[in-house]
Amino acid sequence: MHAPSFWWRKGAALGRALAPAGWLYGWFTARRMRQSGEAATCPVLCVGNFTLGGSGKTPLSLALGRLAIEKGHKPGYLSRGYGGSTKGPLAVDRSHHSADEVGDEPLLLASVAPTVVARDRVAGARLLAEKGADLVIMDDGFQNPSLTKTVSLVVVDGARGTGNGFVFPAGPLRAPMRSQLPLADCVFIMGEGEPGDAMAATAEAEGLPVFRGMLRPSGCGAWQNERFLAFAGIGAPERFFRSLEDVGAVVAIRQPFPDHHPYSEEDCRRLVADAERAGLKLVTTEKDAARLTGQGGARQALYERLTVFPVEADIPGREALWAWLAERLF
C-alpha cells in the first residue's frame, strides 16, 4: 500500500475518524510487544522503527554491520524477508536467490555479512549462531517479541517523525508511543527536520540516548543536470526523489509504487516506454533494482537500462555510537 498523505498531517479529519480502529490495532500490538521472548546464544541488535514505512533502517543496518566487522566482530543479519516466498530459516545466497524468494532487503544485507531469512526469528538467530555469528543484527522486528533483543535501536525519519501521532490505520504508528518508547534503548534520527527534532526531544526527556545520521549517495556517479524518470517502491519514495535532486539530477517524471512493490511485466514495459517517449534515463533505488535483476522478460530488460542510485548511512558520531552499543552488546 501507499502511505496515505494524511498520516503525516497533524489534525487531519480522516485520521481522527479512523482513530477508534487505530486504538484497537494498537492495543493488540502493544499487548503482544510485552510478551516474553526466547534468548539467543549471542547478542541481538534490533534496528527497528515506531512506524510503518521507510525510515532508513536497512542502510543503517548495513553501516552497523560494516562497523562491527571493522571492530573485529562477526555479525550476521536476520530478516523476515518481506516480499519473499520462503519461510526459512534460509541462508541467503546472492548468486542463487532472487527477491521473489527472499525479499529485496536480504539481498542487500548479504553483500556485507551472512544473512538469514526466517519468519521464525528464534530459528533464524540459531542458524546464524551455528554459522559463526557473534552478533545478530535484526533488520526490523522491534514489535516482534519472539526473540529477546539485547539492544533495540529505533530509527526515525527526521523529515516525517512519527506523523500525525495516530496508530494504523489512522496514522503510521504501529502501536501508541507510550507503549513503544519504554521498550526502546536508543533512538536514531535519520536526516534533518523539525519532526525528527521533536522526536529527539521526546526521547531525551525519557532518558534515552539519541544518535543522528544522514542518507547520502555512495560512489561518485555523474548526476548533475542528467534528466531522469525516477521510480521507487520503497517506504518513502519522495525521499529518494529529493535525494536525486540534492545531487543535481533533474527528476522530470516521478513514479512512486507501494513499498516492496512486485514489478509486473506491464509495469516494466510502461516505465521503459514512458522514458523513451520523454527522452529520459531510468533511475531507481538499490532495493528496487534487487527486485528486477535475474527475472528475465520485461523486468530484466528494464534492469539492463537502469541507473541505480546507491545511498549509505553517514554517521558523524559513529565511534560514540559504537562505544555505546559495544558496552551493552558484548
Protein backbone atom coordinates (compact mmCIF):
# COMPACT_ATOMS: atom_id res chain seq x y z
CA MET A 1 0.00 0.00 0.00
CA HIS A 2 0.96 3.64 -0.40
CA ALA A 3 1.25 5.50 2.90
CA PRO A 4 -1.66 7.99 2.71
CA SER A 5 -0.72 11.65 2.94
CA PHE A 6 -2.99 12.30 5.95
CA TRP A 7 -0.73 10.07 8.05
CA TRP A 8 1.83 12.87 8.07
CA ARG A 9 -0.55 15.79 8.77
CA LYS A 10 -1.45 16.72 12.33
CA GLY A 11 -5.18 17.21 12.84
CA ALA A 12 -6.29 15.54 9.59
CA ALA A 13 -10.02 14.74 9.72
CA LEU A 14 -9.60 11.23 8.30
CA GLY A 15 -7.01 10.42 10.94
CA ARG A 16 -9.40 11.43 13.70
CA ALA A 17 -12.22 9.42 12.08
CA LEU A 18 -10.11 6.26 11.97
CA ALA A 19 -8.69 6.70 15.47
CA PRO A 20 -11.01 4.09 17.09
CA ALA A 21 -9.77 1.42 14.68
CA GLY A 22 -6.21 2.52 15.42
CA TRP A 23 -6.84 2.23 19.15
CA LEU A 24 -7.88 -1.41 18.72
CA TYR A 25 -4.92 -2.27 16.45
CA GLY A 26 -2.51 -0.50 18.79
CA TRP A 27 -3.92 -2.25 21.87
CA PHE A 28 -3.26 -5.69 20.37
CA THR A 29 0.22 -4.73 19.14
CA ALA A 30 1.22 -3.20 22.49
CA ARG A 31 -0.08 -6.26 24.33
CA ARG A 32 1.96 -8.53 22.06
CA MET A 33 5.11 -6.44 22.48
CA ARG A 34 5.01 -7.02 26.25
CA GLN A 35 5.27 -10.79 25.84
CA SER A 36 8.49 -12.54 26.82
CA GLY A 37 10.81 -13.86 24.11
CA GLU A 38 13.45 -16.53 23.82
CA ALA A 39 17.09 -15.55 24.25
CA ALA A 40 19.65 -16.17 21.51
CA THR A 41 23.11 -17.58 22.15
CA CYS A 42 24.73 -14.31 21.03
CA PRO A 43 23.76 -10.64 21.39
CA VAL A 44 20.86 -9.34 19.30
CA LEU A 45 20.81 -5.76 18.00
CA CYS A 46 17.36 -4.87 16.65
CA VAL A 47 17.23 -1.99 14.16
CA GLY A 48 13.54 -1.12 14.09
CA ASN A 49 11.10 1.75 13.89
CA PHE A 50 7.96 3.05 15.54
CA THR A 51 6.05 3.45 12.28
CA LEU A 52 5.09 1.64 9.14
CA GLY A 53 7.05 2.61 6.07
CA GLY A 54 10.65 3.56 5.45
CA SER A 55 12.91 5.32 7.90
CA GLY A 56 16.36 4.26 6.70
CA LYS A 57 16.63 1.02 8.69
CA THR A 58 18.36 -1.04 6.01
CA PRO A 59 21.13 1.48 5.17
CA LEU A 60 21.76 1.87 8.91
CA SER A 61 21.84 -1.91 9.38
CA LEU A 62 24.39 -2.14 6.57
CA ALA A 63 26.52 0.58 8.17
CA LEU A 64 26.37 -1.08 11.59
CA GLY A 65 27.37 -4.43 10.09
CA ARG A 66 30.40 -2.87 8.41
CA LEU A 67 31.28 -1.12 11.66
CA ALA A 68 31.04 -4.37 13.63
CA ILE A 69 33.34 -6.11 11.13
CA GLU A 70 35.77 -3.20 11.36
CA LYS A 71 35.84 -3.68 15.14
CA GLY A 72 36.71 -7.37 14.81
CA HIS A 73 33.27 -8.98 15.18
CA LYS A 74 31.39 -11.46 13.00
CA PRO A 75 27.88 -10.06 12.55
CA GLY A 76 25.04 -11.83 10.81
CA TYR A 77 21.79 -10.29 9.59
CA LEU A 78 18.36 -11.63 10.44
CA SER A 79 15.41 -10.60 8.29
CA ARG A 80 11.82 -11.69 7.92
CA GLY A 81 12.32 -11.46 4.16
CA TYR A 82 9.27 -9.31 3.49
CA GLY A 83 8.07 -9.77 -0.09
CA GLY A 84 9.79 -13.14 -0.47
CA SER A 85 8.10 -16.53 -0.62
CA THR A 86 10.37 -18.53 1.68
CA LYS A 87 9.52 -19.03 5.35
CA GLY A 88 13.06 -20.12 6.23
CA PRO A 89 15.23 -20.28 8.09
CA LEU A 90 17.31 -19.94 4.94
CA ALA A 91 20.83 -18.62 4.47
CA VAL A 92 20.74 -16.12 1.60
CA ASP A 93 22.96 -16.80 -1.41
CA ARG A 94 23.10 -13.76 -3.68
CA SER A 95 24.19 -15.88 -6.65
CA HIS A 96 21.20 -18.23 -6.41
CA HIS A 97 18.34 -16.49 -4.62
CA SER A 98 16.04 -13.83 -6.06
CA ALA A 99 13.98 -11.14 -4.36
CA ASP A 100 10.88 -13.20 -5.19
CA GLU A 101 12.29 -15.90 -2.90
CA VAL A 102 13.96 -13.98 -0.07
CA GLY A 103 12.86 -10.34 -0.43
CA ASP A 104 14.87 -7.33 -1.60
CA GLU A 105 16.46 -6.22 1.68
CA PRO A 106 18.17 -9.57 2.46
CA LEU A 107 19.93 -9.46 -0.92
CA LEU A 108 21.47 -6.11 0.04
CA LEU A 109 22.34 -7.24 3.58
CA ALA A 110 24.04 -10.38 2.27
CA SER A 111 26.54 -8.19 0.41
CA VAL A 112 28.03 -7.24 3.80
CA ALA A 113 27.60 -10.25 6.11
CA PRO A 114 25.91 -13.68 6.30
CA THR A 115 22.16 -13.19 6.14
CA VAL A 116 19.33 -15.48 7.19
CA VAL A 117 15.68 -15.09 6.23
CA ALA A 118 13.26 -16.54 8.78
CA ARG A 119 9.65 -15.93 9.73
CA ASP A 120 10.64 -17.70 12.98
CA ARG A 121 13.15 -15.20 14.37
CA VAL A 122 14.40 -17.60 17.06
CA ALA A 123 15.21 -20.29 14.49
CA GLY A 124 16.89 -17.68 12.30
CA ALA A 125 19.11 -16.44 15.13
CA ARG A 126 20.03 -20.05 15.92
CA LEU A 127 21.13 -20.67 12.33
CA LEU A 128 23.28 -17.51 12.32
CA ALA A 129 24.98 -18.62 15.56
CA GLU A 130 25.66 -22.02 14.01
CA LYS A 131 27.33 -20.22 11.10
CA GLY A 132 29.69 -18.45 13.50
CA ALA A 133 28.00 -15.08 14.04
CA ASP A 134 28.85 -13.39 17.34
CA LEU A 135 26.26 -10.64 16.79
CA VAL A 136 22.78 -10.84 15.27
CA ILE A 137 21.63 -7.62 13.61
CA MET A 138 17.88 -7.87 13.14
CA ASP A 139 16.61 -5.59 10.37
CA ASP A 140 13.11 -4.65 11.60
CA GLY A 141 11.21 -6.64 14.22
CA PHE A 142 11.01 -4.12 17.06
CA GLN A 143 7.35 -5.04 17.58
CA ASN A 144 8.03 -8.81 17.36
CA PRO A 145 8.57 -10.24 20.88
CA SER A 146 9.60 -13.79 19.92
CA LEU A 147 13.36 -13.14 20.10
CA THR A 148 14.77 -11.26 23.08
CA LYS A 149 16.68 -8.16 22.00
CA THR A 150 19.88 -7.15 23.75
CA VAL A 151 19.57 -3.64 22.34
CA SER A 152 16.66 -2.08 20.46
CA LEU A 153 17.77 0.87 18.32
CA VAL A 154 14.78 2.65 16.79
CA VAL A 155 15.19 4.68 13.60
CA VAL A 156 13.07 7.79 12.96
CA ASP A 157 12.87 9.68 9.67
CA GLY A 158 13.87 13.25 10.54
CA ALA A 159 11.63 14.74 7.87
CA ARG A 160 8.48 12.84 8.87
CA GLY A 161 8.93 11.86 12.52
CA THR A 162 6.04 9.79 13.81
CA GLY A 163 3.47 11.50 11.62
CA ASN A 164 0.08 12.53 12.94
CA GLY A 165 0.51 10.60 16.19
CA PHE A 166 -2.20 8.05 15.42
CA VAL A 167 -1.91 4.26 15.15
CA PHE A 168 -2.58 2.36 11.91
CA PRO A 169 -4.91 2.74 10.03
CA ALA A 170 -5.46 6.24 11.40
CA GLY A 171 -1.73 7.02 11.20
CA PRO A 172 1.67 5.42 10.66
CA LEU A 173 2.37 4.27 14.24
CA ARG A 174 2.46 0.51 14.82
CA ALA A 175 1.41 0.98 18.45
CA PRO A 176 0.93 4.00 20.73
CA MET A 177 4.16 5.82 21.54
CA ARG A 178 3.52 5.42 25.26
CA SER A 179 3.74 1.64 24.70
CA GLN A 180 6.70 1.65 22.31
CA LEU A 181 9.07 4.23 23.76
CA PRO A 182 9.75 2.39 27.06
CA LEU A 183 10.89 -0.67 25.08
CA ALA A 184 13.46 1.29 23.04
CA ASP A 185 17.07 1.56 24.23
CA CYS A 186 18.06 4.43 21.97
CA VAL A 187 16.70 6.50 19.08
CA PHE A 188 18.48 7.23 15.81
CA ILE A 189 17.26 10.26 13.83
CA MET A 190 17.90 9.74 10.12
CA GLY A 191 18.04 13.07 8.31
CA GLU A 192 17.06 16.59 9.28
CA GLY A 193 13.72 18.18 10.03
CA GLU A 194 11.53 19.56 12.79
CA PRO A 195 9.61 16.27 13.23
CA GLY A 196 12.88 14.47 13.93
CA ASP A 197 14.00 17.19 16.33
CA ALA A 198 10.69 16.87 18.20
CA MET A 199 11.13 13.09 18.46
CA ALA A 200 14.69 13.57 19.70
CA ALA A 201 13.47 15.92 22.43
CA THR A 202 10.80 13.43 23.48
CA ALA A 203 13.32 10.58 23.65
CA GLU A 204 15.84 12.63 25.62
CA ALA A 205 13.13 13.66 28.08
CA GLU A 206 12.59 9.92 28.70
CA GLY A 207 16.31 9.43 29.33
CA LEU A 208 17.07 7.73 26.02
CA PRO A 209 20.28 8.50 24.13
CA VAL A 210 19.78 9.99 20.67
CA PHE A 211 22.13 9.50 17.74
CA ARG A 212 21.93 11.10 14.31
CA GLY A 213 22.90 10.39 10.73
CA MET A 214 22.07 11.13 7.10
CA LEU A 215 21.46 9.11 3.97
CA ARG A 216 23.99 10.18 1.35
CA PRO A 217 24.79 8.96 -2.17
CA SER A 218 27.60 6.41 -2.22
CA GLY A 219 30.06 6.27 -5.06
CA CYS A 220 30.76 9.13 -7.44
CA GLY A 221 28.15 8.93 -10.18
CA ALA A 222 27.66 11.88 -12.54
CA TRP A 223 24.20 13.19 -11.67
CA GLN A 224 24.45 16.93 -12.39
CA ASN A 225 21.80 18.04 -14.91
CA GLU A 226 21.02 14.48 -16.02
CA ARG A 227 17.31 14.07 -16.79
CA PHE A 228 15.53 11.07 -15.31
CA LEU A 229 12.33 9.15 -14.97
CA ALA A 230 12.75 8.09 -11.34
CA PHE A 231 10.71 5.24 -9.88
CA ALA A 232 10.73 3.60 -6.48
CA GLY A 233 8.68 1.11 -4.48
CA ILE A 234 10.03 1.89 -1.01
CA GLY A 235 8.56 3.22 2.22
CA ALA A 236 9.39 6.86 1.46
CA PRO A 237 9.81 7.32 -2.32
CA GLU A 238 9.68 11.11 -2.00
CA ARG A 239 12.94 10.97 -0.02
CA PHE A 240 14.57 9.14 -2.94
CA PHE A 241 13.33 11.75 -5.43
CA ARG A 242 14.56 14.54 -3.15
CA SER A 243 17.98 12.91 -2.81
CA LEU A 244 18.36 12.79 -6.57
CA GLU A 245 17.59 16.49 -6.82
CA ASP A 246 20.03 17.23 -3.99
CA VAL A 247 22.92 15.93 -6.15
CA GLY A 248 21.81 17.98 -9.16
CA ALA A 249 19.74 15.47 -11.11
CA VAL A 250 16.61 16.64 -12.92
CA VAL A 251 13.70 14.39 -11.95
CA ALA A 252 11.37 15.05 -14.87
CA ILE A 253 8.95 12.21 -14.04
CA ARG A 254 8.32 10.74 -10.59
CA GLN A 255 6.71 7.29 -10.39
CA PRO A 256 6.11 6.05 -6.83
CA PHE A 257 4.98 2.48 -6.18
CA PRO A 258 3.89 0.80 -2.93
CA ASP A 259 6.62 -0.40 -0.57
CA HIS A 260 8.22 -3.70 -1.74
CA HIS A 261 6.19 -3.49 -4.96
CA PRO A 262 6.50 -6.68 -7.08
CA TYR A 263 7.06 -5.21 -10.54
CA SER A 264 4.88 -6.81 -13.21
CA GLU A 265 5.83 -7.22 -16.85
CA GLU A 266 3.34 -4.47 -17.69
CA ASP A 267 4.88 -2.11 -15.10
CA CYS A 268 8.29 -2.62 -16.66
CA ARG A 269 7.16 -2.18 -20.26
CA ARG A 270 5.32 1.01 -19.31
CA LEU A 271 8.32 2.50 -17.48
CA VAL A 272 10.61 1.85 -20.45
CA ALA A 273 8.06 3.26 -22.90
CA ASP A 274 7.45 6.40 -20.81
CA ALA A 275 11.18 7.06 -20.50
CA GLU A 276 11.75 6.58 -24.23
CA ARG A 277 8.83 8.83 -25.12
CA ALA A 278 10.19 11.66 -22.93
CA GLY A 279 13.85 11.10 -23.78
CA LEU A 280 14.76 10.33 -20.16
CA LYS A 281 17.10 7.95 -18.40
CA LEU A 282 15.66 5.49 -15.88
CA VAL A 283 16.83 5.52 -12.28
CA THR A 284 15.77 3.66 -9.14
CA THR A 285 16.99 2.52 -5.72
CA GLU A 286 19.19 -0.46 -4.88
CA LYS A 287 16.23 -2.22 -3.26
CA ASP A 288 14.08 -1.79 -6.35
CA ALA A 289 16.89 -2.96 -8.62
CA ALA A 290 17.23 -6.11 -6.48
CA ARG A 291 13.61 -6.96 -7.31
CA LEU A 292 14.31 -6.74 -11.04
CA THR A 293 17.63 -8.45 -11.58
CA GLY A 294 17.73 -12.04 -12.82
CA GLN A 295 13.99 -12.14 -13.54
CA GLY A 296 14.03 -12.34 -17.33
CA GLY A 297 11.48 -10.82 -19.70
CA ALA A 298 10.48 -7.17 -19.41
CA ARG A 299 11.82 -6.95 -15.84
CA GLN A 300 15.31 -7.93 -16.96
CA ALA A 301 15.07 -5.57 -19.95
CA LEU A 302 14.22 -2.72 -17.58
CA TYR A 303 17.05 -3.69 -15.22
CA GLU A 304 19.59 -3.59 -18.04
CA ARG A 305 18.59 0.01 -18.88
CA LEU A 306 18.69 1.25 -15.30
CA THR A 307 20.92 3.62 -13.47
CA VAL A 308 20.95 2.64 -9.79
CA PHE A 309 21.20 5.37 -7.17
CA PRO A 310 23.03 3.87 -4.16
CA VAL A 311 22.87 5.51 -0.74
CA GLU A 312 24.61 4.83 2.55
CA ALA A 313 24.12 5.93 6.12
CA ASP A 314 26.58 8.63 7.10
CA ILE A 315 27.02 8.61 10.90
CA PRO A 316 29.10 11.56 12.13
CA GLY A 317 29.23 10.14 15.67
CA ARG A 318 29.97 6.57 14.61
CA GLU A 319 32.64 5.98 17.27
CA ALA A 320 30.40 7.25 20.05
CA LEU A 321 27.54 5.11 18.74
CA TRP A 322 29.73 2.02 18.59
CA ALA A 323 31.11 2.60 22.09
CA TRP A 324 27.57 2.87 23.44
CA LEU A 325 26.44 -0.27 21.59
CA ALA A 326 29.51 -2.36 22.43
CA GLU A 327 29.15 -1.63 26.14
CA ARG A 328 25.68 -3.19 26.06
CA LEU A 329 26.15 -5.92 23.48
CA PHE A 330 29.42 -7.57 24.49
